[in-house]
Amino acid sequence: MRALIMRNHLDRWFCLGALVLCACASDPPPAPGVTRADENLQRDIRRILTILESTSEPRCDTYRVVDTESAGLGRERWIVERCGERVVYLVTFIAARPSATNLSVRREDAP
C-alpha cells in the first residue's frame, strides 16, 4: 500500500515537471504592433531583451513586449513593460548575407 502511495506521488511530480517543460518550450505569441521581424527574428530579439532586462533591472523578474513600431528604414522600437514602467528598445536589422540578418538591440534613451 505504501509503495502505491509513493508511486502516485512520484507520478504527480513527473506530470508537473513535464507540464512545466512543455510550457517553457512553447513559443510566445507574435509580438504586438507592426514588427516586420519573422518568427525566428522575434525569438532572437526576445532572447536579447531577456538578457538586457535581467541585467539592467534585476528586481523585475518578468517583462512583456507591449508594442512594436517602425523607427525608420531597417529599425523598429520594441516597447517593453516591466514592474509598472515602459522601456523602449531600438532594434536595428543589419542585412548580412542572403537570408541572414544580424541584429542590434539597445535601450533607447528618453528624449
N, C-alpha and C. Protein backbone atom coordinates (compact mmCIF):
# COMPACT_ATOMS: atom_id res chain seq x y z
N MET A 1 0.83 -1.19 0.00
CA MET A 1 0.00 0.00 0.00
C MET A 1 0.88 1.26 0.00
N ARG A 2 1.89 1.26 0.85
CA ARG A 2 2.79 2.41 0.93
C ARG A 2 3.51 2.64 -0.40
N ALA A 3 3.89 1.55 -1.07
CA ALA A 3 4.56 1.67 -2.37
C ALA A 3 3.62 2.29 -3.41
N LEU A 4 2.35 1.96 -3.35
CA LEU A 4 1.36 2.51 -4.28
C LEU A 4 1.19 4.02 -4.06
N ILE A 5 1.14 4.43 -2.81
CA ILE A 5 1.01 5.85 -2.49
C ILE A 5 2.25 6.61 -2.98
N MET A 6 3.43 6.02 -2.74
CA MET A 6 4.67 6.65 -3.18
C MET A 6 4.71 6.75 -4.70
N ARG A 7 4.26 5.72 -5.38
CA ARG A 7 4.23 5.71 -6.85
C ARG A 7 3.30 6.82 -7.36
N ASN A 8 2.12 6.97 -6.77
CA ASN A 8 1.19 8.03 -7.19
C ASN A 8 1.81 9.41 -6.97
N HIS A 9 2.51 9.56 -5.86
CA HIS A 9 3.16 10.83 -5.55
C HIS A 9 4.23 11.15 -6.60
N LEU A 10 5.03 10.17 -6.97
CA LEU A 10 6.07 10.37 -7.97
C LEU A 10 5.46 10.66 -9.34
N ASP A 11 4.37 9.98 -9.66
CA ASP A 11 3.69 10.22 -10.94
C ASP A 11 3.21 11.66 -11.03
N ARG A 12 2.68 12.18 -9.93
CA ARG A 12 2.22 13.58 -9.94
C ARG A 12 3.38 14.54 -10.19
N TRP A 13 4.51 14.31 -9.53
CA TRP A 13 5.67 15.18 -9.72
C TRP A 13 6.20 15.08 -11.15
N PHE A 14 6.19 13.88 -11.71
CA PHE A 14 6.64 13.70 -13.08
C PHE A 14 5.74 14.48 -14.03
N CYS A 15 4.44 14.38 -13.85
CA CYS A 15 3.48 15.10 -14.71
C CYS A 15 3.65 16.61 -14.57
N LEU A 16 3.84 17.08 -13.35
CA LEU A 16 4.05 18.50 -13.13
C LEU A 16 5.32 18.98 -13.83
N GLY A 17 6.39 18.21 -13.70
CA GLY A 17 7.65 18.55 -14.36
C GLY A 17 7.51 18.59 -15.86
N ALA A 18 6.80 17.61 -16.43
CA ALA A 18 6.59 17.57 -17.88
C ALA A 18 5.77 18.78 -18.33
N LEU A 19 4.78 19.16 -17.54
CA LEU A 19 3.95 20.32 -17.88
C LEU A 19 4.78 21.60 -17.87
N VAL A 20 5.64 21.74 -16.89
CA VAL A 20 6.50 22.93 -16.82
C VAL A 20 7.44 22.97 -18.01
N LEU A 21 8.03 21.85 -18.37
CA LEU A 21 8.93 21.82 -19.52
C LEU A 21 8.21 22.17 -20.81
N CYS A 22 7.00 21.67 -20.97
CA CYS A 22 6.23 21.99 -22.18
C CYS A 22 5.92 23.48 -22.24
N ALA A 23 5.57 24.06 -21.11
CA ALA A 23 5.25 25.49 -21.07
C ALA A 23 6.47 26.32 -21.40
N CYS A 24 7.64 25.90 -20.93
CA CYS A 24 8.86 26.65 -21.20
C CYS A 24 9.29 26.52 -22.66
N ALA A 25 9.00 25.39 -23.27
CA ALA A 25 9.43 25.14 -24.63
C ALA A 25 8.53 25.81 -25.66
N SER A 26 7.33 26.19 -25.27
CA SER A 26 6.41 26.77 -26.24
C SER A 26 6.84 28.19 -26.60
N ASP A 27 6.59 28.55 -27.84
CA ASP A 27 6.95 29.87 -28.31
C ASP A 27 5.95 30.90 -27.82
N PRO A 28 6.42 32.10 -27.53
CA PRO A 28 5.49 33.16 -27.13
C PRO A 28 4.66 33.57 -28.35
N PRO A 29 3.56 34.24 -28.12
CA PRO A 29 2.75 34.71 -29.25
C PRO A 29 3.53 35.74 -30.05
N PRO A 30 3.11 35.99 -31.28
CA PRO A 30 3.80 37.01 -32.08
C PRO A 30 3.81 38.36 -31.36
N ALA A 31 4.86 39.12 -31.60
CA ALA A 31 4.96 40.44 -30.98
C ALA A 31 3.82 41.33 -31.47
N PRO A 32 3.23 42.11 -30.58
CA PRO A 32 2.15 43.02 -30.99
C PRO A 32 2.71 44.18 -31.80
N GLY A 33 1.83 44.86 -32.49
CA GLY A 33 2.24 46.04 -33.22
C GLY A 33 2.57 45.75 -34.66
N VAL A 34 3.54 46.49 -35.19
CA VAL A 34 3.82 46.43 -36.62
C VAL A 34 5.21 45.89 -36.95
N THR A 35 5.73 44.99 -36.16
CA THR A 35 7.05 44.45 -36.45
C THR A 35 7.06 43.73 -37.79
N ARG A 36 8.18 43.84 -38.47
CA ARG A 36 8.35 43.12 -39.73
C ARG A 36 9.25 41.91 -39.53
N ALA A 37 9.64 41.66 -38.29
CA ALA A 37 10.51 40.52 -37.99
C ALA A 37 9.71 39.22 -38.10
N ASP A 38 10.33 38.22 -38.73
CA ASP A 38 9.67 36.92 -38.80
C ASP A 38 9.79 36.21 -37.45
N GLU A 39 9.24 35.01 -37.36
CA GLU A 39 9.24 34.28 -36.08
C GLU A 39 10.64 34.08 -35.51
N ASN A 40 11.59 33.73 -36.37
CA ASN A 40 12.96 33.49 -35.90
C ASN A 40 13.60 34.76 -35.36
N LEU A 41 13.43 35.87 -36.07
CA LEU A 41 14.00 37.13 -35.59
C LEU A 41 13.32 37.58 -34.30
N GLN A 42 11.99 37.40 -34.22
CA GLN A 42 11.29 37.76 -32.99
C GLN A 42 11.83 36.95 -31.82
N ARG A 43 12.07 35.67 -32.03
CA ARG A 43 12.61 34.82 -30.97
C ARG A 43 14.00 35.32 -30.55
N ASP A 44 14.83 35.68 -31.53
CA ASP A 44 16.17 36.20 -31.22
C ASP A 44 16.09 37.52 -30.47
N ILE A 45 15.19 38.41 -30.90
CA ILE A 45 15.03 39.70 -30.23
C ILE A 45 14.59 39.49 -28.79
N ARG A 46 13.64 38.58 -28.57
CA ARG A 46 13.18 38.30 -27.21
C ARG A 46 14.31 37.75 -26.34
N ARG A 47 15.17 36.91 -26.90
CA ARG A 47 16.31 36.39 -26.13
C ARG A 47 17.24 37.53 -25.70
N ILE A 48 17.51 38.43 -26.64
CA ILE A 48 18.36 39.58 -26.32
C ILE A 48 17.69 40.46 -25.27
N LEU A 49 16.39 40.71 -25.43
CA LEU A 49 15.67 41.51 -24.44
C LEU A 49 15.71 40.87 -23.06
N THR A 50 15.60 39.56 -23.01
CA THR A 50 15.66 38.86 -21.72
C THR A 50 17.00 39.10 -21.03
N ILE A 51 18.07 39.05 -21.80
CA ILE A 51 19.40 39.30 -21.24
C ILE A 51 19.50 40.75 -20.77
N LEU A 52 19.08 41.68 -21.63
CA LEU A 52 19.16 43.11 -21.27
C LEU A 52 18.30 43.43 -20.05
N GLU A 53 17.11 42.88 -20.00
CA GLU A 53 16.21 43.14 -18.87
C GLU A 53 16.75 42.54 -17.57
N SER A 54 17.30 41.35 -17.64
CA SER A 54 17.78 40.72 -16.41
C SER A 54 19.02 41.41 -15.85
N THR A 55 19.79 42.05 -16.72
CA THR A 55 20.98 42.75 -16.24
C THR A 55 20.72 44.20 -15.90
N SER A 56 19.73 44.83 -16.55
CA SER A 56 19.50 46.24 -16.29
C SER A 56 18.55 46.48 -15.12
N GLU A 57 17.64 45.54 -14.89
CA GLU A 57 16.68 45.71 -13.80
C GLU A 57 16.44 44.36 -13.11
N PRO A 58 17.41 43.94 -12.29
CA PRO A 58 17.30 42.60 -11.67
C PRO A 58 16.14 42.46 -10.69
N ARG A 59 15.59 43.55 -10.18
CA ARG A 59 14.47 43.42 -9.24
C ARG A 59 13.18 43.00 -9.93
N CYS A 60 13.10 43.19 -11.24
CA CYS A 60 11.93 42.76 -12.02
C CYS A 60 12.25 41.43 -12.66
N ASP A 61 11.47 40.42 -12.31
CA ASP A 61 11.77 39.10 -12.85
C ASP A 61 10.98 38.77 -14.11
N THR A 62 10.08 39.64 -14.52
CA THR A 62 9.34 39.42 -15.75
C THR A 62 9.17 40.72 -16.52
N TYR A 63 8.99 40.56 -17.81
CA TYR A 63 8.69 41.69 -18.68
C TYR A 63 7.80 41.15 -19.78
N ARG A 64 7.17 42.06 -20.51
CA ARG A 64 6.41 41.65 -21.69
C ARG A 64 6.51 42.73 -22.74
N VAL A 65 6.54 42.30 -23.98
CA VAL A 65 6.54 43.22 -25.10
C VAL A 65 5.10 43.67 -25.29
N VAL A 66 4.87 44.98 -25.21
CA VAL A 66 3.50 45.50 -25.32
C VAL A 66 3.23 46.16 -26.66
N ASP A 67 4.28 46.52 -27.41
CA ASP A 67 4.05 47.13 -28.71
C ASP A 67 5.35 47.14 -29.51
N THR A 68 5.21 47.21 -30.82
CA THR A 68 6.34 47.42 -31.72
C THR A 68 5.90 48.46 -32.74
N GLU A 69 6.87 49.25 -33.19
CA GLU A 69 6.54 50.27 -34.18
C GLU A 69 7.76 50.53 -35.05
N SER A 70 7.51 51.02 -36.25
CA SER A 70 8.59 51.35 -37.17
C SER A 70 9.36 52.56 -36.65
N ALA A 71 10.68 52.54 -36.86
CA ALA A 71 11.52 53.67 -36.45
C ALA A 71 12.42 54.09 -37.60
N GLY A 72 11.95 53.87 -38.82
CA GLY A 72 12.75 54.21 -39.99
C GLY A 72 13.20 52.95 -40.71
N LEU A 73 13.94 53.14 -41.76
CA LEU A 73 14.38 52.03 -42.59
C LEU A 73 15.26 51.06 -41.81
N GLY A 74 14.80 49.82 -41.69
CA GLY A 74 15.57 48.78 -41.01
C GLY A 74 15.63 48.92 -39.50
N ARG A 75 14.73 49.72 -38.92
CA ARG A 75 14.74 49.91 -37.46
C ARG A 75 13.32 49.85 -36.92
N GLU A 76 13.23 49.34 -35.70
CA GLU A 76 11.94 49.28 -35.00
C GLU A 76 12.14 49.63 -33.54
N ARG A 77 11.08 50.09 -32.93
CA ARG A 77 11.05 50.29 -31.48
C ARG A 77 10.23 49.15 -30.89
N TRP A 78 10.81 48.48 -29.92
CA TRP A 78 10.09 47.44 -29.18
C TRP A 78 9.85 47.99 -27.78
N ILE A 79 8.59 48.12 -27.41
CA ILE A 79 8.22 48.69 -26.12
C ILE A 79 7.96 47.54 -25.15
N VAL A 80 8.67 47.59 -24.03
CA VAL A 80 8.62 46.55 -23.01
C VAL A 80 8.00 47.14 -21.74
N GLU A 81 7.15 46.37 -21.10
CA GLU A 81 6.59 46.78 -19.81
C GLU A 81 7.14 45.86 -18.74
N ARG A 82 7.68 46.49 -17.68
CA ARG A 82 8.22 45.72 -16.56
C ARG A 82 8.04 46.51 -15.28
N CYS A 83 7.58 45.86 -14.25
CA CYS A 83 7.40 46.49 -12.94
C CYS A 83 6.70 47.84 -13.03
N GLY A 84 5.68 47.93 -13.86
CA GLY A 84 4.88 49.14 -13.93
C GLY A 84 5.46 50.27 -14.76
N GLU A 85 6.58 50.05 -15.43
CA GLU A 85 7.14 51.10 -16.28
C GLU A 85 7.36 50.57 -17.69
N ARG A 86 7.41 51.49 -18.63
CA ARG A 86 7.66 51.13 -20.02
C ARG A 86 9.08 51.53 -20.40
N VAL A 87 9.73 50.62 -21.10
CA VAL A 87 11.09 50.84 -21.57
C VAL A 87 11.09 50.61 -23.07
N VAL A 88 11.78 51.46 -23.80
CA VAL A 88 11.82 51.35 -25.26
C VAL A 88 13.20 50.87 -25.69
N TYR A 89 13.20 49.85 -26.56
CA TYR A 89 14.43 49.34 -27.14
C TYR A 89 14.42 49.60 -28.63
N LEU A 90 15.54 50.04 -29.15
CA LEU A 90 15.70 50.27 -30.57
C LEU A 90 16.34 49.02 -31.17
N VAL A 91 15.64 48.40 -32.11
CA VAL A 91 16.12 47.20 -32.78
C VAL A 91 16.51 47.60 -34.20
N THR A 92 17.76 47.32 -34.56
CA THR A 92 18.24 47.61 -35.91
C THR A 92 18.54 46.29 -36.60
N PHE A 93 17.99 46.14 -37.79
CA PHE A 93 18.21 44.94 -38.59
C PHE A 93 19.34 45.23 -39.58
N ILE A 94 20.37 44.40 -39.57
CA ILE A 94 21.53 44.61 -40.42
C ILE A 94 21.62 43.42 -41.38
N ALA A 95 21.40 43.71 -42.66
CA ALA A 95 21.45 42.63 -43.65
C ALA A 95 22.87 42.09 -43.73
N ALA A 96 22.99 40.79 -43.62
CA ALA A 96 24.30 40.15 -43.71
C ALA A 96 24.40 39.51 -45.10
N ARG A 97 24.36 38.24 -45.15
CA ARG A 97 24.35 37.54 -46.44
C ARG A 97 22.90 37.21 -46.79
N PRO A 98 22.64 36.75 -47.99
CA PRO A 98 21.25 36.42 -48.37
C PRO A 98 20.60 35.50 -47.34
N SER A 99 19.40 35.81 -46.97
CA SER A 99 18.57 35.08 -45.99
C SER A 99 19.18 35.07 -44.59
N ALA A 100 20.02 36.03 -44.27
CA ALA A 100 20.58 36.15 -42.92
C ALA A 100 20.51 37.61 -42.49
N THR A 101 20.18 37.81 -41.23
CA THR A 101 20.07 39.16 -40.69
C THR A 101 20.74 39.21 -39.34
N ASN A 102 21.56 40.22 -39.13
CA ASN A 102 22.13 40.47 -37.83
C ASN A 102 21.26 41.51 -37.13
N LEU A 103 21.35 41.51 -35.81
CA LEU A 103 20.53 42.43 -35.02
C LEU A 103 21.38 43.28 -34.11
N SER A 104 20.91 44.47 -33.88
CA SER A 104 21.46 45.33 -32.84
C SER A 104 20.26 45.74 -31.99
N VAL A 105 20.35 45.51 -30.69
CA VAL A 105 19.26 45.88 -29.78
C VAL A 105 19.88 46.71 -28.66
N ARG A 106 19.35 47.91 -28.48
CA ARG A 106 19.84 48.76 -27.40
C ARG A 106 18.68 49.55 -26.82
N ARG A 107 18.82 49.92 -25.58
CA ARG A 107 17.79 50.73 -24.93
C ARG A 107 17.82 52.11 -25.55
N GLU A 108 16.64 52.62 -25.90
CA GLU A 108 16.56 53.95 -26.48
C GLU A 108 16.48 54.96 -25.35
N ASP A 109 17.33 55.95 -25.43
CA ASP A 109 17.35 57.00 -24.40
C ASP A 109 16.08 57.82 -24.48
N ALA A 110 15.61 58.25 -23.32
CA ALA A 110 14.43 59.12 -23.27
C ALA A 110 14.79 60.48 -23.86
N PRO A 111 13.84 61.10 -24.57
CA PRO A 111 14.12 62.42 -25.18
C PRO A 111 14.34 63.49 -24.15
